[in-house]
Structures are given as C-alpha cells and as structure tokens.
Amino acid sequence: MNKNFCKGFLLLFFFLGLIHIASATHAVSDEIQWQTYQNGIANAKSEGKKIFLHFYSTLCGYCKIMDQKTFKDASVVQYLNENFVPIKVNADQQRELAIQYRVTGLPSNWFLQTDSEKIANRPGYIAPEEMISFLKFIHTDSYKKMSLSEFLQIRK
C-alpha cells in the first residue's frame, strides 16, 4: 500500500509538471516575441523571415494604444510571430537607429526584407485589422505586384 501511494504521488507530480509546462508554452505564444535590433536582424537572415520594425517611445500615447490593442490582438500576435521577426526599438534610447530609419514621428513601423532592405514604412497608429492587412500584403509579396488599395479590394 505504501509503495502504491508513493507511485501515485510521483505520477501526480509528473502530470502536474507536464500541465504547467504546457500552459507556460501556451502563454508565451500569446505575446509578440519582440527581439532587439541586432538579434532580430541576425535571426531574420537565419530564419528567412521578413522583419517588422516598430519604433516607439514611453511618452508616446499612440504607442501605448498600439501596445494595448494592436499588439494584444490574437490574430496580430499569431501572424507576426509566425511570419515575421518582430523588432521593437525605443526611439529615445536608440536615436542613431531612429535617424537611420528617418523616424520623424511615433509610432513608426517599418517592413524590411530578410536582408534588412527597406520595403515600406507605415507611420502612426495601426489598428489590429489594418495591421493584419499590412502584414499579409508584405508577407505574401503582394506589394511587388499591386498597390495596397488593390490588394484590399481583392481581399474583400
């Protein structure tokens, strides 16, 4: 009886541990996996993914709204994590980088090729549904064949 109790107790802890690991893994995928500029550029090359580069400031109201709405939207989180290397840059702390990308207002959002070549810039706040459209437009290389407005008409 004592042996069975110990085995049962160990089995219970084992399964509880598995549940904890599974829930922790799920929680990680509920957030955008932001990377630093240097790491993101390197990872984009090795993973063969385009880059989403987001410039923000802690004092920027629309940056905070994007953090609360756009970057918490489940479809945006999933699409960004699966198809892009997301990089978040504090424009106040990394001024040289902001100058390099000619950031004049915040938020500022850049879409880059795997090799860091600039594709497009979308300054200002982007709502979740608009963000998904931009991400798909860039990810599918539709920007090479048509304008964004044409792309949006086709998707209706």
N, C-alpha and C. Protein backbone atom coordinates (compact mmCIF):
# COMPACT_ATOMS: atom_id res chain seq x y z
N MET A 1 0.83 -1.20 0.00
CA MET A 1 0.00 0.00 0.00
C MET A 1 0.87 1.26 0.00
N ASN A 2 1.91 1.27 0.78
CA ASN A 2 2.79 2.42 0.87
C ASN A 2 3.52 2.66 -0.45
N LYS A 3 3.93 1.57 -1.14
CA LYS A 3 4.60 1.70 -2.44
C LYS A 3 3.64 2.29 -3.47
N ASN A 4 2.42 1.81 -3.48
CA ASN A 4 1.43 2.31 -4.44
C ASN A 4 1.13 3.78 -4.20
N PHE A 5 1.09 4.16 -2.93
CA PHE A 5 0.83 5.57 -2.59
C PHE A 5 1.96 6.45 -3.12
N CYS A 6 3.20 6.01 -2.94
CA CYS A 6 4.36 6.78 -3.42
C CYS A 6 4.35 6.88 -4.95
N LYS A 7 4.04 5.76 -5.63
CA LYS A 7 3.98 5.77 -7.09
C LYS A 7 2.89 6.72 -7.57
N GLY A 8 1.75 6.66 -6.94
CA GLY A 8 0.64 7.54 -7.31
C GLY A 8 0.98 9.00 -7.09
N PHE A 9 1.64 9.26 -5.97
CA PHE A 9 2.04 10.62 -5.63
C PHE A 9 3.04 11.16 -6.65
N LEU A 10 4.01 10.34 -7.04
CA LEU A 10 5.00 10.74 -8.04
C LEU A 10 4.35 10.96 -9.41
N LEU A 11 3.43 10.08 -9.76
CA LEU A 11 2.71 10.23 -11.02
C LEU A 11 1.91 11.53 -11.06
N LEU A 12 1.28 11.86 -9.94
CA LEU A 12 0.51 13.09 -9.84
C LEU A 12 1.41 14.30 -10.07
N PHE A 13 2.57 14.33 -9.42
CA PHE A 13 3.51 15.44 -9.61
C PHE A 13 4.03 15.51 -11.04
N PHE A 14 4.25 14.36 -11.64
CA PHE A 14 4.71 14.32 -13.02
C PHE A 14 3.69 14.97 -13.95
N PHE A 15 2.42 14.57 -13.82
CA PHE A 15 1.38 15.13 -14.68
C PHE A 15 1.14 16.61 -14.40
N LEU A 16 1.21 17.01 -13.15
CA LEU A 16 1.08 18.43 -12.83
C LEU A 16 2.21 19.24 -13.46
N GLY A 17 3.40 18.67 -13.46
CA GLY A 17 4.54 19.33 -14.11
C GLY A 17 4.32 19.48 -15.60
N LEU A 18 3.80 18.43 -16.24
CA LEU A 18 3.52 18.49 -17.68
C LEU A 18 2.47 19.56 -17.99
N ILE A 19 1.45 19.63 -17.17
CA ILE A 19 0.41 20.64 -17.36
C ILE A 19 1.00 22.04 -17.22
N HIS A 20 1.86 22.22 -16.23
CA HIS A 20 2.49 23.52 -16.02
C HIS A 20 3.35 23.92 -17.22
N ILE A 21 4.11 22.98 -17.74
CA ILE A 21 4.97 23.25 -18.90
C ILE A 21 4.11 23.59 -20.12
N ALA A 22 3.04 22.84 -20.32
CA ALA A 22 2.16 23.09 -21.47
C ALA A 22 1.50 24.46 -21.37
N SER A 23 1.07 24.84 -20.18
CA SER A 23 0.42 26.15 -20.03
C SER A 23 1.44 27.27 -20.18
N ALA A 24 2.65 27.08 -19.73
CA ALA A 24 3.69 28.10 -19.88
C ALA A 24 4.04 28.29 -21.35
N THR A 25 4.09 27.20 -22.10
CA THR A 25 4.38 27.27 -23.53
C THR A 25 3.27 28.02 -24.25
N HIS A 26 2.03 27.76 -23.87
CA HIS A 26 0.89 28.43 -24.49
C HIS A 26 0.91 29.92 -24.17
N ALA A 27 1.25 30.27 -22.95
CA ALA A 27 1.26 31.68 -22.54
C ALA A 27 2.28 32.48 -23.34
N VAL A 28 3.41 31.86 -23.66
CA VAL A 28 4.45 32.55 -24.42
C VAL A 28 3.93 32.92 -25.81
N SER A 29 3.14 32.04 -26.43
CA SER A 29 2.65 32.30 -27.78
C SER A 29 1.53 33.34 -27.80
N ASP A 30 1.05 33.78 -26.65
CA ASP A 30 0.00 34.79 -26.58
C ASP A 30 0.56 36.20 -26.66
N GLU A 31 1.87 36.34 -26.75
CA GLU A 31 2.51 37.65 -26.82
C GLU A 31 3.46 37.70 -28.01
N ILE A 32 3.65 38.88 -28.51
CA ILE A 32 4.61 39.05 -29.60
C ILE A 32 6.01 38.80 -29.05
N GLN A 33 6.77 38.04 -29.76
CA GLN A 33 8.13 37.68 -29.35
C GLN A 33 9.12 38.73 -29.85
N TRP A 34 9.05 39.93 -29.23
CA TRP A 34 9.90 41.04 -29.64
C TRP A 34 11.37 40.68 -29.47
N GLN A 35 12.17 41.18 -30.39
CA GLN A 35 13.61 40.98 -30.33
C GLN A 35 14.32 42.33 -30.38
N THR A 36 15.55 42.33 -29.95
CA THR A 36 16.36 43.54 -30.08
C THR A 36 16.73 43.70 -31.56
N TYR A 37 17.17 44.88 -31.92
CA TYR A 37 17.51 45.14 -33.32
C TYR A 37 18.60 44.19 -33.81
N GLN A 38 19.69 44.09 -33.07
CA GLN A 38 20.82 43.26 -33.50
C GLN A 38 20.42 41.79 -33.61
N ASN A 39 19.75 41.27 -32.60
CA ASN A 39 19.33 39.86 -32.63
C ASN A 39 18.32 39.61 -33.73
N GLY A 40 17.37 40.52 -33.88
CA GLY A 40 16.33 40.36 -34.89
C GLY A 40 16.88 40.34 -36.31
N ILE A 41 17.81 41.24 -36.59
CA ILE A 41 18.42 41.28 -37.93
C ILE A 41 19.14 39.95 -38.22
N ALA A 42 19.88 39.46 -37.24
CA ALA A 42 20.59 38.18 -37.41
C ALA A 42 19.61 37.02 -37.56
N ASN A 43 18.56 37.00 -36.74
CA ASN A 43 17.59 35.91 -36.80
C ASN A 43 16.78 35.93 -38.09
N ALA A 44 16.49 37.10 -38.62
CA ALA A 44 15.74 37.18 -39.87
C ALA A 44 16.51 36.49 -41.00
N LYS A 45 17.80 36.70 -41.02
CA LYS A 45 18.64 36.06 -42.05
C LYS A 45 18.63 34.55 -41.88
N SER A 46 18.82 34.09 -40.64
CA SER A 46 18.91 32.64 -40.42
C SER A 46 17.55 31.95 -40.57
N GLU A 47 16.46 32.65 -40.25
CA GLU A 47 15.12 32.06 -40.34
C GLU A 47 14.46 32.30 -41.69
N GLY A 48 15.03 33.20 -42.49
CA GLY A 48 14.44 33.50 -43.80
C GLY A 48 13.11 34.23 -43.70
N LYS A 49 12.96 35.07 -42.68
CA LYS A 49 11.71 35.81 -42.48
C LYS A 49 11.93 37.30 -42.71
N LYS A 50 10.86 37.95 -43.16
CA LYS A 50 10.89 39.41 -43.25
C LYS A 50 10.85 39.98 -41.83
N ILE A 51 11.10 41.28 -41.73
CA ILE A 51 11.21 41.94 -40.43
C ILE A 51 10.11 42.98 -40.27
N PHE A 52 9.49 43.00 -39.10
CA PHE A 52 8.60 44.09 -38.72
C PHE A 52 9.33 44.89 -37.65
N LEU A 53 9.61 46.15 -37.95
CA LEU A 53 10.41 47.00 -37.07
C LEU A 53 9.51 48.11 -36.52
N HIS A 54 9.32 48.12 -35.21
CA HIS A 54 8.41 49.08 -34.56
C HIS A 54 9.20 50.03 -33.67
N PHE A 55 9.16 51.33 -34.02
CA PHE A 55 9.78 52.37 -33.20
C PHE A 55 8.71 52.96 -32.29
N TYR A 56 9.08 53.15 -31.01
CA TYR A 56 8.14 53.69 -30.03
C TYR A 56 8.89 54.56 -29.03
N SER A 57 8.11 55.19 -28.16
CA SER A 57 8.66 55.94 -27.04
C SER A 57 7.73 55.72 -25.85
N THR A 58 8.28 55.74 -24.66
CA THR A 58 7.45 55.54 -23.46
C THR A 58 6.50 56.72 -23.24
N LEU A 59 6.78 57.86 -23.86
CA LEU A 59 5.93 59.05 -23.70
C LEU A 59 4.88 59.18 -24.80
N CYS A 60 4.89 58.28 -25.76
CA CYS A 60 4.00 58.34 -26.92
C CYS A 60 2.65 57.68 -26.62
N GLY A 61 1.59 58.47 -26.69
CA GLY A 61 0.25 57.96 -26.40
C GLY A 61 -0.21 56.90 -27.38
N TYR A 62 -0.01 57.13 -28.68
CA TYR A 62 -0.44 56.15 -29.67
C TYR A 62 0.40 54.88 -29.62
N CYS A 63 1.63 55.00 -29.17
CA CYS A 63 2.47 53.80 -28.98
C CYS A 63 1.86 52.91 -27.90
N LYS A 64 1.39 53.54 -26.84
CA LYS A 64 0.76 52.79 -25.74
C LYS A 64 -0.53 52.13 -26.20
N ILE A 65 -1.30 52.83 -27.04
CA ILE A 65 -2.54 52.26 -27.56
C ILE A 65 -2.22 51.05 -28.45
N MET A 66 -1.18 51.16 -29.27
CA MET A 66 -0.79 50.01 -30.10
C MET A 66 -0.39 48.83 -29.22
N ASP A 67 0.34 49.11 -28.14
CA ASP A 67 0.72 48.04 -27.20
C ASP A 67 -0.51 47.38 -26.59
N GLN A 68 -1.50 48.18 -26.23
CA GLN A 68 -2.70 47.67 -25.55
C GLN A 68 -3.68 47.00 -26.49
N LYS A 69 -3.80 47.50 -27.71
CA LYS A 69 -4.81 46.97 -28.64
C LYS A 69 -4.20 46.12 -29.75
N THR A 70 -3.43 46.75 -30.60
CA THR A 70 -2.91 46.06 -31.79
C THR A 70 -2.01 44.89 -31.42
N PHE A 71 -1.07 45.12 -30.51
CA PHE A 71 -0.10 44.09 -30.18
C PHE A 71 -0.61 43.09 -29.15
N LYS A 72 -1.87 43.21 -28.73
CA LYS A 72 -2.51 42.22 -27.87
C LYS A 72 -3.55 41.42 -28.65
N ASP A 73 -3.86 41.85 -29.86
CA ASP A 73 -4.83 41.16 -30.70
C ASP A 73 -4.29 39.79 -31.09
N ALA A 74 -5.07 38.75 -30.83
CA ALA A 74 -4.60 37.38 -31.03
C ALA A 74 -4.17 37.11 -32.48
N SER A 75 -4.92 37.63 -33.45
CA SER A 75 -4.56 37.37 -34.85
C SER A 75 -3.28 38.10 -35.24
N VAL A 76 -3.08 39.31 -34.71
CA VAL A 76 -1.84 40.06 -34.98
C VAL A 76 -0.66 39.33 -34.36
N VAL A 77 -0.82 38.93 -33.10
CA VAL A 77 0.26 38.22 -32.39
C VAL A 77 0.66 36.97 -33.15
N GLN A 78 -0.31 36.17 -33.52
CA GLN A 78 -0.02 34.91 -34.21
C GLN A 78 0.64 35.16 -35.57
N TYR A 79 0.08 36.07 -36.35
CA TYR A 79 0.62 36.31 -37.69
C TYR A 79 2.04 36.88 -37.64
N LEU A 80 2.25 37.83 -36.73
CA LEU A 80 3.60 38.41 -36.59
C LEU A 80 4.61 37.35 -36.16
N ASN A 81 4.27 36.58 -35.13
CA ASN A 81 5.21 35.58 -34.61
C ASN A 81 5.52 34.48 -35.64
N GLU A 82 4.53 34.11 -36.44
CA GLU A 82 4.73 33.01 -37.39
C GLU A 82 5.45 33.45 -38.67
N ASN A 83 5.23 34.69 -39.09
CA ASN A 83 5.68 35.09 -40.42
C ASN A 83 6.74 36.19 -40.47
N PHE A 84 7.02 36.82 -39.35
CA PHE A 84 7.97 37.93 -39.31
C PHE A 84 8.90 37.77 -38.12
N VAL A 85 9.98 38.49 -38.16
CA VAL A 85 10.82 38.67 -36.98
C VAL A 85 10.45 40.06 -36.44
N PRO A 86 9.73 40.11 -35.31
CA PRO A 86 9.31 41.40 -34.76
C PRO A 86 10.41 42.04 -33.91
N ILE A 87 10.73 43.28 -34.24
CA ILE A 87 11.77 44.03 -33.52
C ILE A 87 11.13 45.30 -32.97
N LYS A 88 11.39 45.57 -31.70
CA LYS A 88 10.85 46.76 -31.05
C LYS A 88 12.02 47.64 -30.61
N VAL A 89 11.98 48.91 -31.01
CA VAL A 89 13.08 49.83 -30.73
C VAL A 89 12.55 51.07 -30.03
N ASN A 90 13.13 51.39 -28.87
CA ASN A 90 12.81 52.63 -28.17
C ASN A 90 13.58 53.75 -28.87
N ALA A 91 12.86 54.62 -29.56
CA ALA A 91 13.50 55.67 -30.36
C ALA A 91 14.27 56.67 -29.51
N ASP A 92 13.87 56.84 -28.25
CA ASP A 92 14.59 57.76 -27.36
C ASP A 92 15.95 57.19 -26.95
N GLN A 93 16.00 55.88 -26.75
CA GLN A 93 17.23 55.24 -26.30
C GLN A 93 18.16 54.89 -27.46
N GLN A 94 17.60 54.68 -28.63
CA GLN A 94 18.40 54.30 -29.80
C GLN A 94 18.20 55.33 -30.91
N ARG A 95 18.63 56.55 -30.62
CA ARG A 95 18.43 57.69 -31.54
C ARG A 95 19.11 57.48 -32.89
N GLU A 96 20.30 56.88 -32.88
CA GLU A 96 21.03 56.66 -34.14
C GLU A 96 20.22 55.78 -35.09
N LEU A 97 19.58 54.78 -34.52
CA LEU A 97 18.76 53.87 -35.31
C LEU A 97 17.52 54.60 -35.84
N ALA A 98 16.92 55.42 -35.00
CA ALA A 98 15.75 56.21 -35.43
C ALA A 98 16.14 57.17 -36.56
N ILE A 99 17.31 57.75 -36.47
CA ILE A 99 17.80 58.65 -37.53
C ILE A 99 18.05 57.85 -38.81
N GLN A 100 18.64 56.68 -38.67
CA GLN A 100 18.93 55.82 -39.83
C GLN A 100 17.64 55.50 -40.60
N TYR A 101 16.54 55.29 -39.86
CA TYR A 101 15.26 54.95 -40.49
C TYR A 101 14.38 56.19 -40.71
N ARG A 102 14.96 57.36 -40.51
CA ARG A 102 14.27 58.64 -40.73
C ARG A 102 12.93 58.71 -39.99
N VAL A 103 12.96 58.31 -38.75
CA VAL A 103 11.76 58.36 -37.90
C VAL A 103 11.56 59.81 -37.47
N THR A 104 10.43 60.38 -37.88
CA THR A 104 10.13 61.77 -37.51
C THR A 104 8.92 61.87 -36.59
N GLY A 105 8.19 60.79 -36.45
CA GLY A 105 7.04 60.74 -35.55
C GLY A 105 6.86 59.33 -35.05
N LEU A 106 6.13 59.21 -33.97
CA LEU A 106 5.94 57.89 -33.36
C LEU A 106 4.45 57.61 -33.16
N PRO A 107 4.10 56.34 -33.24
CA PRO A 107 4.92 55.19 -33.60
C PRO A 107 5.29 55.22 -35.09
N SER A 108 6.33 54.50 -35.40
CA SER A 108 6.76 54.36 -36.79
C SER A 108 7.03 52.88 -37.03
N ASN A 109 6.48 52.35 -38.10
CA ASN A 109 6.52 50.92 -38.37
C ASN A 109 7.14 50.66 -39.73
N TRP A 110 8.20 49.88 -39.74
CA TRP A 110 8.90 49.55 -40.96
C TRP A 110 8.74 48.07 -41.27
N PHE A 111 8.66 47.77 -42.55
CA PHE A 111 8.67 46.39 -43.04
C PHE A 111 9.95 46.24 -43.84
N LEU A 112 10.73 45.23 -43.48
CA LEU A 112 12.04 45.03 -44.10
C LEU A 112 12.15 43.63 -44.70
N GLN A 113 12.99 43.53 -45.74
CA GLN A 113 13.33 42.23 -46.31
C GLN A 113 14.15 41.43 -45.30
N THR A 114 14.34 40.18 -45.60
CA THR A 114 15.17 39.30 -44.78
C THR A 114 16.58 39.86 -44.60
N ASP A 115 17.08 40.52 -45.64
CA ASP A 115 18.44 41.09 -45.58
C ASP A 115 18.45 42.53 -45.06
N SER A 116 17.37 42.98 -44.46
CA SER A 116 17.21 44.32 -43.85
C SER A 116 16.92 45.42 -44.86
N GLU A 117 16.80 45.09 -46.13
CA GLU A 117 16.45 46.11 -47.13
C GLU A 117 15.04 46.62 -46.84
N LYS A 118 14.86 47.93 -46.92
CA LYS A 118 13.58 48.55 -46.61
C LYS A 118 12.54 48.23 -47.69
N ILE A 119 11.36 47.81 -47.23
CA ILE A 119 10.23 47.57 -48.13
C ILE A 119 9.28 48.76 -48.07
N ALA A 120 8.81 49.06 -46.86
CA ALA A 120 7.82 50.14 -46.70
C ALA A 120 7.81 50.62 -45.26
N ASN A 121 7.34 51.86 -45.12
CA ASN A 121 7.17 52.47 -43.81
C ASN A 121 5.70 52.83 -43.64
N ARG A 122 5.16 52.53 -42.49
CA ARG A 122 3.79 52.94 -42.17
C ARG A 122 3.84 53.69 -40.84
N PRO A 123 3.93 55.03 -40.89
CA PRO A 123 3.98 55.79 -39.65
C PRO A 123 2.62 55.87 -38.98
N GLY A 124 2.62 56.09 -37.68
CA GLY A 124 1.39 56.30 -36.94
C GLY A 124 0.77 55.03 -36.38
N TYR A 125 -0.33 55.25 -35.69
CA TYR A 125 -1.08 54.15 -35.08
C TYR A 125 -1.67 53.26 -36.16
N ILE A 126 -1.62 51.96 -35.94
CA ILE A 126 -2.24 50.99 -36.85
C ILE A 126 -3.18 50.13 -36.03
N ALA A 127 -4.46 50.14 -36.38
CA ALA A 127 -5.46 49.31 -35.70
C ALA A 127 -5.22 47.84 -36.05
N PRO A 128 -5.69 46.91 -35.21
CA PRO A 128 -5.43 45.48 -35.45
C PRO A 128 -5.83 44.98 -36.83
N GLU A 129 -7.04 45.31 -37.30
CA GLU A 129 -7.49 44.81 -38.60
C GLU A 129 -6.65 45.39 -39.75
N GLU A 130 -6.23 46.63 -39.61
CA GLU A 130 -5.37 47.25 -40.61
C GLU A 130 -3.97 46.62 -40.57
N MET A 131 -3.50 46.31 -39.38
CA MET A 131 -2.18 45.68 -39.22
C MET A 131 -2.15 44.33 -39.92
N ILE A 132 -3.19 43.54 -39.74
CA ILE A 132 -3.25 42.22 -40.39
C ILE A 132 -3.16 42.40 -41.91
N SER A 133 -3.89 43.37 -42.45
CA SER A 133 -3.84 43.62 -43.89
C SER A 133 -2.43 43.97 -44.35
N PHE A 134 -1.77 44.87 -43.62
CA PHE A 134 -0.39 45.24 -43.96
C PHE A 134 0.53 44.03 -43.89
N LEU A 135 0.42 43.26 -42.83
CA LEU A 135 1.29 42.09 -42.66
C LEU A 135 1.12 41.10 -43.80
N LYS A 136 -0.13 40.83 -44.19
CA LYS A 136 -0.39 39.89 -45.28
C LYS A 136 0.09 40.45 -46.62
N PHE A 137 -0.11 41.74 -46.82
CA PHE A 137 0.33 42.41 -48.05
C PHE A 137 1.84 42.27 -48.22
N ILE A 138 2.57 42.46 -47.14
CA ILE A 138 4.03 42.36 -47.19
C ILE A 138 4.49 40.90 -47.24
N HIS A 139 3.94 40.07 -46.36
CA HIS A 139 4.38 38.67 -46.27
C HIS A 139 4.19 37.91 -47.58
N THR A 140 3.07 38.16 -48.25
CA THR A 140 2.77 37.42 -49.49
C THR A 140 3.46 38.02 -50.72
N ASP A 141 4.28 39.05 -50.52
CA ASP A 141 4.96 39.75 -51.61
C ASP A 141 4.00 40.43 -52.58
N SER A 142 2.77 40.65 -52.14
CA SER A 142 1.79 41.33 -52.99
C SER A 142 2.21 42.75 -53.31
N TYR A 143 3.02 43.36 -52.46
CA TYR A 143 3.49 44.72 -52.69
C TYR A 143 4.34 44.82 -53.96
N LYS A 144 4.85 43.70 -54.43
CA LYS A 144 5.64 43.69 -55.66
C LYS A 144 4.76 43.72 -56.91
N LYS A 145 3.49 43.32 -56.75
CA LYS A 145 2.59 43.16 -57.89
C LYS A 145 1.48 44.20 -57.97
N MET A 146 1.14 44.81 -56.82
CA MET A 146 -0.02 45.70 -56.81
C MET A 146 0.08 46.70 -55.66
N SER A 147 -0.80 47.67 -55.70
CA SER A 147 -0.85 48.65 -54.61
C SER A 147 -1.62 48.05 -53.43
N LEU A 148 -1.49 48.69 -52.30
CA LEU A 148 -2.22 48.22 -51.11
C LEU A 148 -3.72 48.31 -51.34
N SER A 149 -4.19 49.37 -51.97
CA SER A 149 -5.63 49.51 -52.21
C SER A 149 -6.15 48.39 -53.13
N GLU A 150 -5.37 48.01 -54.14
CA GLU A 150 -5.76 46.89 -55.00
C GLU A 150 -5.81 45.59 -54.20
N PHE A 151 -4.82 45.40 -53.35
CA PHE A 151 -4.76 44.21 -52.50
C PHE A 151 -5.99 44.13 -51.60
N LEU A 152 -6.35 45.25 -51.01
CA LEU A 152 -7.51 45.29 -50.11
C LEU A 152 -8.81 45.03 -50.86
N GLN A 153 -8.92 45.50 -52.10
CA GLN A 153 -10.11 45.24 -52.91
C GLN A 153 -10.25 43.75 -53.22
N ILE A 154 -9.16 43.11 -53.54
CA ILE A 154 -9.17 41.67 -53.85
C ILE A 154 -9.58 40.86 -52.62
N ARG A 155 -9.14 41.29 -51.45
CA ARG A 155 -9.40 40.55 -50.21
C ARG A 155 -10.84 40.69 -49.71
N LYS A 156 -11.60 41.64 -50.26
CA LYS A 156 -12.99 41.86 -49.78
C LYS A 156 -13.89 40.72 -50.14
